[in-house]
Amino acid sequence: MPIDKLSLQILANHCAAAAEAMAYTLMRTAHSTFVKETEDFSCGLLTPEGLTFASPKTLGATWYIGLDYGPAIRAIDRYEEGDICLTNDVYHGFVATHTPDIHIWKPVFHEGEIVCFVGGHIHNTDMGGAVPASLSRTLTEIYQEGIRIPPTKLMSRGILDDKLIAVMKLNVRLPEQNWGDLNAQIASVNTGERKVLEIIERFGIDVWKEAMSALLDYAEQQARAVLDEIPDGDY
């Protein structure tokens, strides 16, 4: 049964608030200036297919709204409760724009079924490579931008991959800062998972499933309405 517009707006507000809580957790617990002051990060709620349907209203990098995590999500063979995945490689998953962009995502389960993902990214201060901060106009190959991590499980069933963390720390100039920011990202997706489950408990799983696609459809209608108001011509 379709959701009426009033109920859909209420659900949209709850979803945006969940994303805001993720962003606030991330910003308050991160270690680097890039996250705490520059706000070069994103947070969001994603459909099981990976489409972003909710994001913060006031915090973070707003140009990441609408990002499709589908290719990155599908790069992982199997998900279990407690898993958290990570990538910063622009050629695997197609969510990062350069190696300092660390993206993570977590499946949210309800009664054994993945009902959505929560995820986001931060810009790390340094990912190793040829120059401090890993970025320079003098670089000519991605290999010069530091360590690249394809879509990989950072946590499996709630257990952190210590070997992966050791490799990451060994290849960067500011390991403790990167480690602090990564912990903030983990806290952020855990917050998102908790908020989503609270919404499902309040409104029911059937309404939740309907709301995800309904919110995407409503966003498309809004975007098309804006485009229709633009006069014909060359721009």
C-alpha atoms as a PDB file:
ATOM      1  CA  MET A   1       0.000   0.000   0.000  1.00  0.00           C
ATOM      2  CA  PRO A   2       1.495   3.390  -1.016  1.00  0.00           C
ATOM      3  CA  ILE A   3       2.498   5.756   1.776  1.00  0.00           C
ATOM      4  CA  ASP A   4       0.510   8.997   1.954  1.00  0.00           C
ATOM      5  CA  LYS A   5       2.452  12.223   1.575  1.00  0.00           C
ATOM      6  CA  LEU A   6       2.152  13.257   5.211  1.00  0.00           C
ATOM      7  CA  SER A   7       3.491   9.931   6.492  1.00  0.00           C
ATOM      8  CA  LEU A   8       6.248   9.982   3.870  1.00  0.00           C
ATOM      9  CA  GLN A   9       7.404  13.420   5.026  1.00  0.00           C
ATOM     10  CA  ILE A  10       7.444  12.221   8.629  1.00  0.00           C
ATOM     11  CA  LEU A  11       9.584   9.241   7.615  1.00  0.00           C
ATOM     12  CA  ALA A  12      11.837  11.497   5.538  1.00  0.00           C
ATOM     13  CA  ASN A  13      12.437  13.652   8.619  1.00  0.00           C
ATOM     14  CA  HIS A  14      13.266  10.599  10.728  1.00  0.00           C
ATOM     15  CA  CYS A  15      15.718   9.325   8.084  1.00  0.00           C
ATOM     16  CA  ALA A  16      17.394  12.710   7.749  1.00  0.00           C
ATOM     17  CA  ALA A  17      17.679  12.897  11.533  1.00  0.00           C
ATOM     18  CA  ALA A  18      19.358   9.478  11.547  1.00  0.00           C
ATOM     19  CA  ALA A  19      21.889  10.696   8.993  1.00  0.00           C
ATOM     20  CA  GLU A  20      22.420  13.885  11.016  1.00  0.00           C
ATOM     21  CA  ALA A  21      23.124  11.763  14.096  1.00  0.00           C
ATOM     22  CA  MET A  22      25.715   9.818  12.096  1.00  0.00           C
ATOM     23  CA  ALA A  23      27.358  13.060  10.966  1.00  0.00           C
ATOM     24  CA  TYR A  24      27.354  14.559  14.459  1.00  0.00           C
ATOM     25  CA  THR A  25      28.920  11.412  15.921  1.00  0.00           C
ATOM     26  CA  LEU A  26      31.601  11.441  13.240  1.00  0.00           C
ATOM     27  CA  MET A  27      32.463  15.116  13.591  1.00  0.00           C
ATOM     28  CA  ARG A  28      32.543  15.033  17.399  1.00  0.00           C
ATOM     29  CA  THR A  29      34.775  11.943  17.677  1.00  0.00           C
ATOM     30  CA  ALA A  30      37.146  12.390  14.698  1.00  0.00           C
ATOM     31  CA  HIS A  31      40.763  13.450  15.224  1.00  0.00           C
ATOM     32  CA  SER A  32      41.668  15.369  12.062  1.00  0.00           C
ATOM     33  CA  THR A  33      40.978  18.950  11.000  1.00  0.00           C
ATOM     34  CA  PHE A  34      39.666  17.656   7.674  1.00  0.00           C
ATOM     35  CA  VAL A  35      36.722  16.084   9.473  1.00  0.00           C
ATOM     36  CA  LYS A  36      36.214  18.202  12.596  1.00  0.00           C
ATOM     37  CA  GLU A  37      36.536  21.651  11.002  1.00  0.00           C
ATOM     38  CA  THR A  38      36.552  21.345   7.209  1.00  0.00           C
ATOM     39  CA  GLU A  39      33.703  18.806   7.362  1.00  0.00           C
ATOM     40  CA  ASP A  40      35.067  16.905   4.371  1.00  0.00           C
ATOM     41  CA  PHE A  41      32.919  13.866   5.061  1.00  0.00           C
ATOM     42  CA  SER A  42      29.582  12.323   4.197  1.00  0.00           C
ATOM     43  CA  CYS A  43      27.024  10.089   5.902  1.00  0.00           C
ATOM     44  CA  GLY A  44      23.885   8.486   4.617  1.00  0.00           C
ATOM     45  CA  LEU A  45      21.265   5.769   4.582  1.00  0.00           C
ATOM     46  CA  LEU A  46      21.426   3.468   1.568  1.00  0.00           C
ATOM     47  CA  THR A  47      18.922   1.074   0.052  1.00  0.00           C
ATOM     48  CA  PRO A  48      19.911  -2.630  -0.010  1.00  0.00           C
ATOM     49  CA  GLU A  49      20.982  -1.933  -3.608  1.00  0.00           C
ATOM     50  CA  GLY A  50      23.218   0.943  -2.511  1.00  0.00           C
ATOM     51  CA  LEU A  51      21.287   4.078  -3.503  1.00  0.00           C
ATOM     52  CA  THR A  52      21.491   6.960  -1.015  1.00  0.00           C
ATOM     53  CA  PHE A  53      18.013   7.996   0.159  1.00  0.00           C
ATOM     54  CA  ALA A  54      18.822  10.099   3.237  1.00  0.00           C
ATOM     55  CA  SER A  55      21.717  12.364   4.166  1.00  0.00           C
ATOM     56  CA  PRO A  56      22.472  15.150   6.668  1.00  0.00           C
ATOM     57  CA  LYS A  57      20.801  18.513   6.158  1.00  0.00           C
ATOM     58  CA  THR A  58      23.454  20.708   7.767  1.00  0.00           C
ATOM     59  CA  LEU A  59      26.727  18.786   8.119  1.00  0.00           C
ATOM     60  CA  GLY A  60      29.326  17.376   5.756  1.00  0.00           C
ATOM     61  CA  ALA A  61      30.052  17.501   2.028  1.00  0.00           C
ATOM     62  CA  THR A  62      26.659  17.917   0.399  1.00  0.00           C
ATOM     63  CA  TRP A  63      27.913  17.010  -3.095  1.00  0.00           C
ATOM     64  CA  TYR A  64      27.947  13.330  -2.066  1.00  0.00           C
ATOM     65  CA  ILE A  65      24.146  13.236  -1.853  1.00  0.00           C
ATOM     66  CA  GLY A  66      22.823  10.632  -4.279  1.00  0.00           C
ATOM     67  CA  LEU A  67      26.020   8.577  -4.420  1.00  0.00           C
ATOM     68  CA  ASP A  68      25.482   4.998  -5.616  1.00  0.00           C
ATOM     69  CA  TYR A  69      27.309   2.494  -3.410  1.00  0.00           C
ATOM     70  CA  GLY A  70      25.980  -0.427  -5.445  1.00  0.00           C
ATOM     71  CA  PRO A  71      29.248  -1.453  -7.152  1.00  0.00           C
ATOM     72  CA  ALA A  72      31.142  -1.343  -3.847  1.00  0.00           C
ATOM     73  CA  ILE A  73      28.437  -3.266  -1.989  1.00  0.00           C
ATOM     74  CA  ARG A  74      28.302  -5.963  -4.671  1.00  0.00           C
ATOM     75  CA  ALA A  75      32.078  -6.398  -4.495  1.00  0.00           C
ATOM     76  CA  ILE A  76      31.625  -8.179  -1.148  1.00  0.00           C
ATOM     77  CA  ASP A  77      30.519 -11.806  -1.537  1.00  0.00           C
ATOM     78  CA  ARG A  78      28.529 -12.201   1.668  1.00  0.00           C
ATOM     79  CA  TYR A  79      27.345 -10.010   4.520  1.00  0.00           C
ATOM     80  CA  GLU A  80      26.715 -10.982   8.125  1.00  0.00           C
ATOM     81  CA  GLU A  81      25.563  -8.998  11.137  1.00  0.00           C
ATOM     82  CA  GLY A  82      28.404  -6.897  12.528  1.00  0.00           C
ATOM     83  CA  ASP A  83      30.244  -6.562   9.205  1.00  0.00           C
ATOM     84  CA  ILE A  84      31.725  -3.202   8.235  1.00  0.00           C
ATOM     85  CA  CYS A  85      33.401  -2.757   4.843  1.00  0.00           C
ATOM     86  CA  LEU A  86      35.898  -0.243   3.539  1.00  0.00           C
ATOM     87  CA  THR A  87      37.514   1.024   0.335  1.00  0.00           C
ATOM     88  CA  ASN A  88      39.498   4.010  -0.894  1.00  0.00           C
ATOM     89  CA  ASP A  89      40.338   2.757  -4.391  1.00  0.00           C
ATOM     90  CA  VAL A  90      38.769   4.827  -7.164  1.00  0.00           C
ATOM     91  CA  TYR A  91      38.863   1.871  -9.563  1.00  0.00           C
ATOM     92  CA  HIS A  92      37.109  -0.626  -7.264  1.00  0.00           C
ATOM     93  CA  GLY A  93      33.581   0.269  -6.252  1.00  0.00           C
ATOM     94  CA  PHE A  94      33.686   3.729  -7.853  1.00  0.00           C
ATOM     95  CA  VAL A  95      32.786   5.680  -4.717  1.00  0.00           C
ATOM     96  CA  ALA A  96      36.166   7.256  -3.879  1.00  0.00           C
ATOM     97  CA  THR A  97      37.530  10.164  -5.928  1.00  0.00           C
ATOM     98  CA  HIS A  98      41.113   9.761  -4.701  1.00  0.00           C
ATOM     99  CA  THR A  99      42.986   7.625  -2.187  1.00  0.00           C
ATOM    100  CA  PRO A 100      42.396   9.940   0.831  1.00  0.00           C
ATOM    101  CA  ASP A 101      38.652   9.238   0.513  1.00  0.00           C
ATOM    102  CA  ILE A 102      37.979   6.355   2.881  1.00  0.00           C
ATOM    103  CA  HIS A 103      34.451   5.009   2.387  1.00  0.00           C
ATOM    104  CA  ILE A 104      32.859   2.565   4.802  1.00  0.00           C
ATOM    105  CA  TRP A 105      29.448   0.891   4.823  1.00  0.00           C
ATOM    106  CA  LYS A 106      27.580  -1.435   7.143  1.00  0.00           C
ATOM    107  CA  PRO A 107      24.592  -3.704   6.486  1.00  0.00           C
ATOM    108  CA  VAL A 108      21.593  -3.224   8.762  1.00  0.00           C
ATOM    109  CA  PHE A 109      19.799  -6.484   9.502  1.00  0.00           C
ATOM    110  CA  HIS A 110      16.246  -6.987  10.712  1.00  0.00           C
ATOM    111  CA  GLU A 111      15.219 -10.544  11.547  1.00  0.00           C
ATOM    112  CA  GLY A 112      18.087 -11.909   9.463  1.00  0.00           C
ATOM    113  CA  GLU A 113      17.401  -9.760   6.385  1.00  0.00           C
ATOM    114  CA  ILE A 114      19.439  -6.800   5.117  1.00  0.00           C
ATOM    115  CA  VAL A 115      16.970  -3.908   5.153  1.00  0.00           C
ATOM    116  CA  CYS A 116      19.434  -1.165   4.209  1.00  0.00           C
ATOM    117  CA  PHE A 117      23.045  -0.066   4.532  1.00  0.00           C
ATOM    118  CA  VAL A 118      24.524   2.891   6.405  1.00  0.00           C
ATOM    119  CA  GLY A 119      27.716   4.431   5.153  1.00  0.00           C
ATOM    120  CA  GLY A 120      29.828   7.432   4.347  1.00  0.00           C
ATOM    121  CA  HIS A 121      33.328   8.722   3.782  1.00  0.00           C
ATOM    122  CA  ILE A 122      35.997  10.997   5.192  1.00  0.00           C
ATOM    123  CA  HIS A 123      38.992  12.708   3.621  1.00  0.00           C
ATOM    124  CA  ASN A 124      42.052  11.353   5.407  1.00  0.00           C
ATOM    125  CA  THR A 125      44.956  13.684   6.126  1.00  0.00           C
ATOM    126  CA  ASP A 126      47.473  11.312   4.548  1.00  0.00           C
ATOM    127  CA  MET A 127      47.401   7.943   2.798  1.00  0.00           C
ATOM    128  CA  GLY A 128      51.130   7.647   2.155  1.00  0.00           C
ATOM    129  CA  GLY A 129      52.574   7.927  -1.341  1.00  0.00           C
ATOM    130  CA  ALA A 130      55.022  10.358  -2.873  1.00  0.00           C
ATOM    131  CA  VAL A 131      54.087  13.532  -0.975  1.00  0.00           C
ATOM    132  CA  PRO A 132      52.602  14.461   2.411  1.00  0.00           C
ATOM    133  CA  ALA A 133      48.778  14.534   2.229  1.00  0.00           C
ATOM    134  CA  SER A 134      49.051  12.141  -0.744  1.00  0.00           C
ATOM    135  CA  LEU A 135      47.840  14.712  -3.309  1.00  0.00           C
ATOM    136  CA  SER A 136      49.829  16.931  -5.653  1.00  0.00           C
ATOM    137  CA  ARG A 137      49.400  18.243  -9.181  1.00  0.00           C
ATOM    138  CA  THR A 138      52.872  16.868  -9.916  1.00  0.00           C
ATOM    139  CA  LEU A 139      51.720  13.264  -9.508  1.00  0.00           C
ATOM    140  CA  THR A 140      51.091  11.347 -12.716  1.00  0.00           C
ATOM    141  CA  GLU A 141      49.976   7.900 -11.465  1.00  0.00           C
ATOM    142  CA  ILE A 142      47.491   6.766  -8.852  1.00  0.00           C
ATOM    143  CA  TYR A 143      50.218   4.588  -7.343  1.00  0.00           C
ATOM    144  CA  GLN A 144      51.874   7.818  -6.188  1.00  0.00           C
ATOM    145  CA  GLU A 145      48.803   8.704  -4.091  1.00  0.00           C
ATOM    146  CA  GLY A 146      49.467   6.081  -1.438  1.00  0.00           C
ATOM    147  CA  ILE A 147      47.960   2.800  -0.320  1.00  0.00           C
ATOM    148  CA  ARG A 148      44.872   1.543  -2.214  1.00  0.00           C
ATOM    149  CA  ILE A 149      42.353  -0.754  -0.572  1.00  0.00           C
ATOM    150  CA  PRO A 150      39.689  -2.472  -2.698  1.00  0.00           C
ATOM    151  CA  PRO A 151      36.283  -3.187  -1.128  1.00  0.00           C
ATOM    152  CA  THR A 152      37.261  -5.226   1.917  1.00  0.00           C
ATOM    153  CA  LYS A 153      35.748  -6.219   5.249  1.00  0.00           C
ATOM    154  CA  LEU A 154      37.155  -4.014   7.974  1.00  0.00           C
ATOM    155  CA  MET A 155      35.102  -5.910  10.540  1.00  0.00           C
ATOM    156  CA  SER A 156      33.673  -9.412  10.202  1.00  0.00           C
ATOM    157  CA  ARG A 157      30.776 -10.203  12.543  1.00  0.00           C
ATOM    158  CA  GLY A 158      31.977  -7.413  14.819  1.00  0.00           C
ATOM    159  CA  ILE A 159      35.640  -8.495  14.864  1.00  0.00           C
ATOM    160  CA  LEU A 160      38.173  -5.945  13.606  1.00  0.00           C
ATOM    161  CA  ASP A 161      40.725  -7.093  11.012  1.00  0.00           C
ATOM    162  CA  ASP A 162      43.900  -6.186  12.915  1.00  0.00           C
ATOM    163  CA  LYS A 163      46.158  -7.216  10.019  1.00  0.00           C
ATOM    164  CA  LEU A 164      44.432  -4.775   7.666  1.00  0.00           C
ATOM    165  CA  ILE A 165      44.772  -2.002  10.248  1.00  0.00           C
ATOM    166  CA  ALA A 166      48.477  -2.792  10.681  1.00  0.00           C
ATOM    167  CA  VAL A 167      49.051  -2.508   6.923  1.00  0.00           C
ATOM    168  CA  MET A 168      47.153   0.785   6.776  1.00  0.00           C
ATOM    169  CA  LYS A 169      49.104   2.274   9.684  1.00  0.00           C
ATOM    170  CA  LEU A 170      52.430   1.188   8.211  1.00  0.00           C
ATOM    171  CA  ASN A 171      51.796   3.018   4.932  1.00  0.00           C
ATOM    172  CA  VAL A 172      50.737   6.464   6.185  1.00  0.00           C
ATOM    173  CA  ARG A 173      52.592   9.370   7.784  1.00  0.00           C
ATOM    174  CA  LEU A 174      50.070  10.055  10.561  1.00  0.00           C
ATOM    175  CA  PRO A 175      48.854   6.606  11.632  1.00  0.00           C
ATOM    176  CA  GLU A 176      47.329   7.650  14.948  1.00  0.00           C
ATOM    177  CA  GLN A 177      45.298  10.406  13.298  1.00  0.00           C
ATOM    178  CA  ASN A 178      44.051   8.026  10.601  1.00  0.00           C
ATOM    179  CA  TRP A 179      43.231   5.420  13.244  1.00  0.00           C
ATOM    180  CA  GLY A 180      41.310   7.978  15.279  1.00  0.00           C
ATOM    181  CA  ASP A 181      39.285   9.066  12.243  1.00  0.00           C
ATOM    182  CA  LEU A 182      38.555   5.452  11.294  1.00  0.00           C
ATOM    183  CA  ASN A 183      37.222   4.769  14.773  1.00  0.00           C
ATOM    184  CA  ALA A 184      34.978   7.815  14.365  1.00  0.00           C
ATOM    185  CA  GLN A 185      33.654   6.377  11.116  1.00  0.00           C
ATOM    186  CA  ILE A 186      32.908   3.075  12.820  1.00  0.00           C
ATOM    187  CA  ALA A 187      31.042   4.942  15.565  1.00  0.00           C
ATOM    188  CA  SER A 188      29.112   6.831  12.891  1.00  0.00           C
ATOM    189  CA  VAL A 189      27.791   3.755  11.063  1.00  0.00           C
ATOM    190  CA  ASN A 190      26.978   2.086  14.393  1.00  0.00           C
ATOM    191  CA  THR A 191      24.917   5.157  15.263  1.00  0.00           C
ATOM    192  CA  GLY A 192      23.190   4.939  11.889  1.00  0.00           C
ATOM    193  CA  GLU A 193      22.372   1.269  12.401  1.00  0.00           C
ATOM    194  CA  ARG A 194      20.846   1.994  15.819  1.00  0.00           C
ATOM    195  CA  LYS A 195      18.744   4.863  14.492  1.00  0.00           C
ATOM    196  CA  VAL A 196      17.434   2.823  11.552  1.00  0.00           C
ATOM    197  CA  LEU A 197      16.352  -0.008  13.834  1.00  0.00           C
ATOM    198  CA  GLU A 198      14.572   2.510  16.047  1.00  0.00           C
ATOM    199  CA  ILE A 199      12.648   3.808  13.015  1.00  0.00           C
ATOM    200  CA  ILE A 200      11.708   0.268  11.988  1.00  0.00           C
ATOM    201  CA  GLU A 201      10.545  -0.511  15.523  1.00  0.00           C
ATOM    202  CA  ARG A 202       8.330   2.564  15.491  1.00  0.00           C
ATOM    203  CA  PHE A 203       6.826   2.333  11.992  1.00  0.00           C
ATOM    204  CA  GLY A 204       7.186  -1.340  11.071  1.00  0.00           C
ATOM    205  CA  ILE A 205       9.320  -3.148   8.527  1.00  0.00           C
ATOM    206  CA  ASP A 206       6.730  -3.023   5.722  1.00  0.00           C
ATOM    207  CA  VAL A 207       6.447   0.758   5.960  1.00  0.00           C
ATOM    208  CA  TRP A 208      10.245   1.037   6.070  1.00  0.00           C
ATOM    209  CA  LYS A 209      10.684  -0.968   2.870  1.00  0.00           C
ATOM    210  CA  GLU A 210       8.038   1.063   1.090  1.00  0.00           C
ATOM    211  CA  ALA A 211       9.518   4.336   2.335  1.00  0.00           C
ATOM    212  CA  MET A 212      12.970   3.796   0.821  1.00  0.00           C
ATOM    213  CA  SER A 213      11.724   3.602  -2.757  1.00  0.00           C
ATOM    214  CA  ALA A 214       9.028   6.215  -2.125  1.00  0.00           C
ATOM    215  CA  LEU A 215      11.624   8.726  -0.920  1.00  0.00           C
ATOM    216  CA  LEU A 216      13.748   8.160  -4.017  1.00  0.00           C
ATOM    217  CA  ASP A 217      10.688   8.599  -6.251  1.00  0.00           C
ATOM    218  CA  TYR A 218       9.704  11.786  -4.423  1.00  0.00           C
ATOM    219  CA  ALA A 219      13.225  13.184  -4.789  1.00  0.00           C
ATOM    220  CA  GLU A 220      13.091  12.482  -8.527  1.00  0.00           C
ATOM    221  CA  GLN A 221       9.755  14.294  -8.802  1.00  0.00           C
ATOM    222  CA  GLN A 222      11.201  17.312  -6.991  1.00  0.00           C
ATOM    223  CA  ALA A 223      14.271  17.396  -9.236  1.00  0.00           C
ATOM    224  CA  ARG A 224      12.171  17.133 -12.387  1.00  0.00           C
ATOM    225  CA  ALA A 225       9.906  19.932 -11.187  1.00  0.00           C
ATOM    226  CA  VAL A 226      12.916  22.230 -10.787  1.00  0.00           C
ATOM    227  CA  LEU A 227      14.216  21.319 -14.252  1.00  0.00           C
ATOM    228  CA  ASP A 228      10.801  21.984 -15.780  1.00  0.00           C
ATOM    229  CA  GLU A 229      10.955  25.570 -14.497  1.00  0.00           C
ATOM    230  CA  ILE A 230      14.196  26.301 -16.361  1.00  0.00           C
ATOM    231  CA  PRO A 231      13.464  28.095 -19.650  1.00  0.00           C
ATOM    232  CA  ASP A 232      14.510  26.348 -22.844  1.00  0.00           C
ATOM    233  CA  GLY A 233      17.871  27.461 -24.187  1.00  0.00           C
ATOM    234  CA  ASP A 234      21.607  26.826 -24.165  1.00  0.00           C
ATOM    235  CA  TYR A 235      23.414  27.028 -20.827  1.00  0.00           C
END
